[in-house]
């Protein structure tokens, strides 16, 4: 109904939380290896923003995946949501917007 949201997980990032698991120098050694194994995350952004949101299924979330051989692909997965509850929630959002 004209409301679209694109949410993307950044994947593995170095932060103060990850530094508590391993020392910084080990993360700096491991990050390039992990990046190569998981595939380049940038391609998913390209795929996502080339899509017209009005043509994507609103009850599906699209996962960025990489095969064991390194081939990247997008996998649609159905969201477990009650459509009636979602419609009530949307109507409540419209009411709040008017206030």
N, C-alpha and C. Protein backbone atom coordinates (compact mmCIF):
# COMPACT_ATOMS: atom_id res chain seq x y z
N UNK A 1 0.82 -1.20 0.00
CA UNK A 1 0.00 0.00 0.00
C UNK A 1 0.86 1.26 0.00
N UNK A 2 1.98 1.17 -0.70
CA UNK A 2 2.83 2.35 -0.84
C UNK A 2 3.89 2.51 0.23
N UNK A 3 3.97 1.59 1.17
CA UNK A 3 4.96 1.67 2.25
C UNK A 3 5.99 0.57 2.01
N UNK A 4 7.26 0.94 1.81
CA UNK A 4 8.29 -0.05 1.52
C UNK A 4 9.45 0.14 2.48
N UNK A 5 10.08 -0.96 2.85
CA UNK A 5 11.23 -0.92 3.73
C UNK A 5 12.26 -1.93 3.26
N UNK A 6 13.50 -1.51 3.15
CA UNK A 6 14.59 -2.41 2.82
C UNK A 6 15.53 -2.45 4.01
N UNK A 7 15.69 -3.63 4.58
CA UNK A 7 16.56 -3.80 5.74
C UNK A 7 17.61 -4.82 5.37
N UNK A 8 18.87 -4.48 5.59
CA UNK A 8 19.95 -5.37 5.22
C UNK A 8 20.87 -5.55 6.41
N UNK A 9 21.22 -6.80 6.70
CA UNK A 9 22.18 -7.10 7.76
C UNK A 9 23.59 -6.87 7.21
N UNK A 10 24.44 -6.15 7.93
CA UNK A 10 25.77 -5.86 7.40
C UNK A 10 26.70 -7.07 7.38
N UNK A 11 26.30 -8.17 8.00
CA UNK A 11 27.18 -9.33 8.06
C UNK A 11 28.17 -9.19 9.19
N UNK A 12 29.31 -9.80 9.06
CA UNK A 12 30.32 -9.77 10.11
C UNK A 12 31.06 -8.43 10.08
N UNK A 13 31.10 -7.75 11.21
CA UNK A 13 31.82 -6.49 11.32
C UNK A 13 32.68 -6.52 12.58
N UNK A 14 33.75 -5.76 12.54
CA UNK A 14 34.59 -5.65 13.73
C UNK A 14 34.06 -4.51 14.59
N UNK A 15 33.90 -4.79 15.88
CA UNK A 15 33.41 -3.78 16.81
C UNK A 15 33.95 -4.08 18.20
N UNK A 16 33.58 -3.24 19.16
CA UNK A 16 34.01 -3.49 20.54
C UNK A 16 33.47 -4.82 21.06
N UNK A 17 32.34 -5.27 20.53
CA UNK A 17 31.79 -6.56 20.96
C UNK A 17 32.65 -7.72 20.45
N UNK A 18 33.10 -7.64 19.20
CA UNK A 18 33.91 -8.74 18.65
C UNK A 18 35.32 -8.74 19.23
N UNK A 19 35.82 -7.58 19.63
CA UNK A 19 37.17 -7.52 20.21
C UNK A 19 37.24 -8.27 21.53
N UNK A 20 36.12 -8.48 22.20
CA UNK A 20 36.13 -9.22 23.47
C UNK A 20 36.23 -10.72 23.22
N UNK A 21 35.92 -11.16 22.00
CA UNK A 21 35.99 -12.59 21.68
C UNK A 21 37.43 -12.98 21.34
N UNK A 22 38.06 -12.21 20.45
CA UNK A 22 39.44 -12.45 20.03
C UNK A 22 40.20 -11.13 20.03
N UNK A 23 41.53 -11.19 20.16
CA UNK A 23 42.32 -9.96 20.09
C UNK A 23 42.19 -9.31 18.69
N UNK A 24 42.41 -8.01 18.64
CA UNK A 24 42.26 -7.23 17.41
C UNK A 24 43.12 -7.78 16.28
N UNK A 25 44.37 -8.12 16.56
CA UNK A 25 45.25 -8.57 15.47
C UNK A 25 44.74 -9.88 14.83
N UNK A 26 44.10 -10.75 15.61
CA UNK A 26 43.52 -11.97 15.02
C UNK A 26 42.34 -11.64 14.12
N UNK A 27 41.50 -10.68 14.53
CA UNK A 27 40.38 -10.27 13.67
C UNK A 27 40.89 -9.74 12.35
N UNK A 28 41.95 -8.94 12.41
CA UNK A 28 42.50 -8.36 11.18
C UNK A 28 43.05 -9.44 10.25
N UNK A 29 43.52 -10.54 10.82
CA UNK A 29 43.99 -11.66 10.00
C UNK A 29 42.81 -12.48 9.45
N UNK A 30 41.77 -12.65 10.25
CA UNK A 30 40.64 -13.50 9.88
C UNK A 30 39.63 -12.83 8.94
N UNK A 31 39.47 -11.52 9.04
CA UNK A 31 38.42 -10.84 8.27
C UNK A 31 38.53 -11.06 6.75
N UNK A 32 39.72 -10.95 6.14
CA UNK A 32 39.77 -11.19 4.69
C UNK A 32 39.37 -12.62 4.32
N UNK A 33 39.74 -13.58 5.15
CA UNK A 33 39.38 -14.98 4.89
C UNK A 33 37.87 -15.15 5.00
N UNK A 34 37.27 -14.60 6.04
CA UNK A 34 35.82 -14.70 6.23
C UNK A 34 35.07 -13.99 5.09
N UNK A 35 35.60 -12.86 4.64
CA UNK A 35 34.96 -12.13 3.55
C UNK A 35 34.97 -12.96 2.27
N UNK A 36 36.10 -13.63 1.98
CA UNK A 36 36.20 -14.46 0.78
C UNK A 36 35.27 -15.67 0.86
N UNK A 37 35.19 -16.29 2.04
CA UNK A 37 34.34 -17.47 2.22
C UNK A 37 32.87 -17.11 2.08
N UNK A 38 32.45 -15.97 2.63
CA UNK A 38 31.03 -15.60 2.60
C UNK A 38 30.62 -14.98 1.27
N UNK A 39 31.55 -14.63 0.43
CA UNK A 39 31.21 -13.98 -0.84
C UNK A 39 31.09 -12.48 -0.63
N UNK A 40 31.17 -11.74 -1.70
CA UNK A 40 31.09 -10.28 -1.62
C UNK A 40 29.68 -9.84 -1.26
N UNK A 41 29.50 -9.12 -0.13
CA UNK A 41 28.15 -8.70 0.26
C UNK A 41 27.59 -7.58 -0.61
N UNK A 42 28.43 -6.89 -1.37
CA UNK A 42 27.97 -5.75 -2.15
C UNK A 42 27.00 -6.09 -3.26
N UNK A 43 27.09 -7.29 -3.83
CA UNK A 43 26.22 -7.66 -4.95
C UNK A 43 24.76 -7.67 -4.53
N UNK A 44 24.47 -8.02 -3.26
CA UNK A 44 23.08 -8.07 -2.81
C UNK A 44 22.45 -6.68 -2.84
N UNK A 45 23.22 -5.65 -2.46
CA UNK A 45 22.71 -4.28 -2.52
C UNK A 45 22.33 -3.92 -3.95
N UNK A 46 23.18 -4.33 -4.89
CA UNK A 46 22.90 -4.04 -6.30
C UNK A 46 21.61 -4.72 -6.72
N UNK A 47 21.45 -6.00 -6.36
CA UNK A 47 20.22 -6.73 -6.71
C UNK A 47 19.00 -6.06 -6.08
N UNK A 48 19.10 -5.74 -4.78
CA UNK A 48 17.97 -5.19 -4.04
C UNK A 48 17.50 -3.87 -4.63
N UNK A 49 18.41 -2.97 -4.93
CA UNK A 49 18.00 -1.65 -5.38
C UNK A 49 17.70 -1.57 -6.88
N UNK A 50 17.92 -2.67 -7.60
CA UNK A 50 17.46 -2.72 -8.99
C UNK A 50 16.00 -3.18 -9.07
N UNK A 51 15.48 -3.72 -7.96
CA UNK A 51 14.11 -4.21 -7.94
C UNK A 51 13.14 -3.06 -7.74
N UNK A 52 11.95 -3.18 -8.30
CA UNK A 52 10.89 -2.21 -8.04
C UNK A 52 10.11 -2.75 -6.84
N UNK A 53 10.08 -2.03 -5.72
CA UNK A 53 9.46 -2.55 -4.50
C UNK A 53 8.01 -2.97 -4.68
N UNK A 54 7.29 -2.29 -5.56
CA UNK A 54 5.87 -2.63 -5.74
C UNK A 54 5.68 -3.99 -6.40
N UNK A 55 6.73 -4.55 -7.01
CA UNK A 55 6.63 -5.86 -7.65
C UNK A 55 7.13 -7.00 -6.77
N UNK A 56 7.77 -6.68 -5.65
CA UNK A 56 8.24 -7.72 -4.74
C UNK A 56 7.10 -8.16 -3.84
N UNK A 57 7.08 -9.42 -3.47
CA UNK A 57 6.05 -9.97 -2.59
C UNK A 57 6.25 -9.40 -1.19
N UNK A 58 5.24 -8.76 -0.64
CA UNK A 58 5.33 -8.12 0.68
C UNK A 58 5.44 -9.13 1.81
N UNK A 59 5.05 -10.37 1.57
CA UNK A 59 5.10 -11.39 2.61
C UNK A 59 6.30 -12.32 2.46
N UNK A 60 7.32 -11.84 1.76
CA UNK A 60 8.54 -12.63 1.55
C UNK A 60 9.74 -11.79 1.96
N UNK A 61 10.72 -12.43 2.60
CA UNK A 61 11.99 -11.75 2.85
C UNK A 61 13.03 -12.41 1.95
N UNK A 62 13.94 -11.62 1.45
CA UNK A 62 14.92 -12.08 0.48
C UNK A 62 16.28 -12.20 1.15
N UNK A 63 16.82 -13.42 1.14
CA UNK A 63 18.09 -13.69 1.81
C UNK A 63 19.23 -13.73 0.80
N UNK A 64 20.32 -13.08 1.15
CA UNK A 64 21.55 -13.13 0.36
C UNK A 64 22.27 -14.41 0.75
N UNK A 65 22.52 -15.28 -0.22
CA UNK A 65 23.14 -16.58 0.07
C UNK A 65 24.36 -16.80 -0.81
N UNK A 66 25.24 -17.68 -0.34
CA UNK A 66 26.41 -18.07 -1.11
C UNK A 66 26.53 -19.59 -1.04
N UNK A 67 26.70 -20.23 -2.19
CA UNK A 67 26.84 -21.69 -2.22
C UNK A 67 28.22 -22.08 -1.71
N UNK A 68 28.43 -23.36 -1.51
CA UNK A 68 29.73 -23.85 -1.06
C UNK A 68 30.84 -23.57 -2.05
N UNK A 69 30.47 -23.38 -3.32
CA UNK A 69 31.46 -23.08 -4.35
C UNK A 69 31.67 -21.58 -4.57
N UNK A 70 30.99 -20.75 -3.76
CA UNK A 70 31.17 -19.30 -3.86
C UNK A 70 30.21 -18.58 -4.77
N UNK A 71 29.20 -19.27 -5.32
CA UNK A 71 28.22 -18.62 -6.19
C UNK A 71 27.19 -17.89 -5.33
N UNK A 72 26.98 -16.62 -5.60
CA UNK A 72 26.03 -15.81 -4.83
C UNK A 72 24.65 -15.86 -5.49
N UNK A 73 23.60 -15.90 -4.67
CA UNK A 73 22.24 -15.90 -5.17
C UNK A 73 21.30 -15.35 -4.11
N UNK A 74 20.09 -15.01 -4.52
CA UNK A 74 19.07 -14.50 -3.61
C UNK A 74 18.01 -15.58 -3.45
N UNK A 75 17.65 -15.86 -2.19
CA UNK A 75 16.64 -16.88 -1.91
C UNK A 75 15.44 -16.25 -1.22
N UNK A 76 14.27 -16.29 -1.85
CA UNK A 76 13.07 -15.76 -1.19
C UNK A 76 12.55 -16.75 -0.15
N UNK A 77 12.20 -16.25 1.05
CA UNK A 77 11.65 -17.09 2.12
C UNK A 77 10.36 -16.45 2.63
N UNK A 78 9.33 -17.24 2.72
CA UNK A 78 8.02 -16.76 3.16
C UNK A 78 8.08 -16.31 4.62
N UNK A 79 7.49 -15.17 4.93
CA UNK A 79 7.41 -14.67 6.30
C UNK A 79 6.18 -15.27 6.96
N UNK A 80 6.35 -15.77 8.18
CA UNK A 80 5.24 -16.36 8.91
C UNK A 80 4.49 -15.23 9.63
N UNK A 81 3.47 -14.68 8.95
CA UNK A 81 2.72 -13.54 9.50
C UNK A 81 1.24 -13.72 9.16
N UNK A 82 0.40 -13.32 10.09
CA UNK A 82 -1.04 -13.36 9.87
C UNK A 82 -1.43 -12.08 9.12
N UNK A 83 -1.99 -12.23 7.92
CA UNK A 83 -2.30 -11.06 7.09
C UNK A 83 -3.34 -10.15 7.74
N UNK A 84 -4.28 -10.72 8.47
CA UNK A 84 -5.30 -9.91 9.14
C UNK A 84 -4.67 -9.02 10.22
N UNK A 85 -3.76 -9.60 11.00
CA UNK A 85 -3.06 -8.82 12.03
C UNK A 85 -2.19 -7.74 11.40
N UNK A 86 -1.53 -8.08 10.29
CA UNK A 86 -0.70 -7.11 9.60
C UNK A 86 -1.54 -5.93 9.10
N UNK A 87 -2.72 -6.21 8.59
CA UNK A 87 -3.61 -5.15 8.09
C UNK A 87 -4.06 -4.25 9.24
N UNK A 88 -4.40 -4.83 10.40
CA UNK A 88 -4.79 -4.03 11.57
C UNK A 88 -3.64 -3.13 12.01
N UNK A 89 -2.44 -3.68 12.01
CA UNK A 89 -1.26 -2.92 12.39
C UNK A 89 -1.04 -1.75 11.43
N UNK A 90 -1.20 -1.99 10.14
CA UNK A 90 -1.04 -0.95 9.14
C UNK A 90 -2.07 0.16 9.33
N UNK A 91 -3.31 -0.21 9.62
CA UNK A 91 -4.36 0.79 9.86
C UNK A 91 -4.03 1.63 11.10
N UNK A 92 -3.49 0.98 12.13
CA UNK A 92 -3.09 1.70 13.34
C UNK A 92 -1.96 2.69 13.02
N UNK A 93 -1.02 2.29 12.18
CA UNK A 93 0.06 3.20 11.77
C UNK A 93 -0.50 4.42 11.04
N UNK A 94 -1.49 4.20 10.18
CA UNK A 94 -2.11 5.32 9.47
C UNK A 94 -2.79 6.27 10.44
N UNK A 95 -3.46 5.72 11.47
CA UNK A 95 -4.11 6.56 12.49
C UNK A 95 -3.07 7.39 13.24
N UNK A 96 -1.98 6.76 13.62
CA UNK A 96 -0.91 7.46 14.35
C UNK A 96 -0.28 8.57 13.49
N UNK A 97 -0.16 8.30 12.21
CA UNK A 97 0.41 9.29 11.30
C UNK A 97 -0.47 10.55 11.24
N UNK A 98 -1.78 10.34 11.28
CA UNK A 98 -2.71 11.49 11.23
C UNK A 98 -2.61 12.35 12.49
N UNK A 99 -2.30 11.72 13.63
CA UNK A 99 -2.17 12.46 14.88
C UNK A 99 -0.91 13.28 14.85
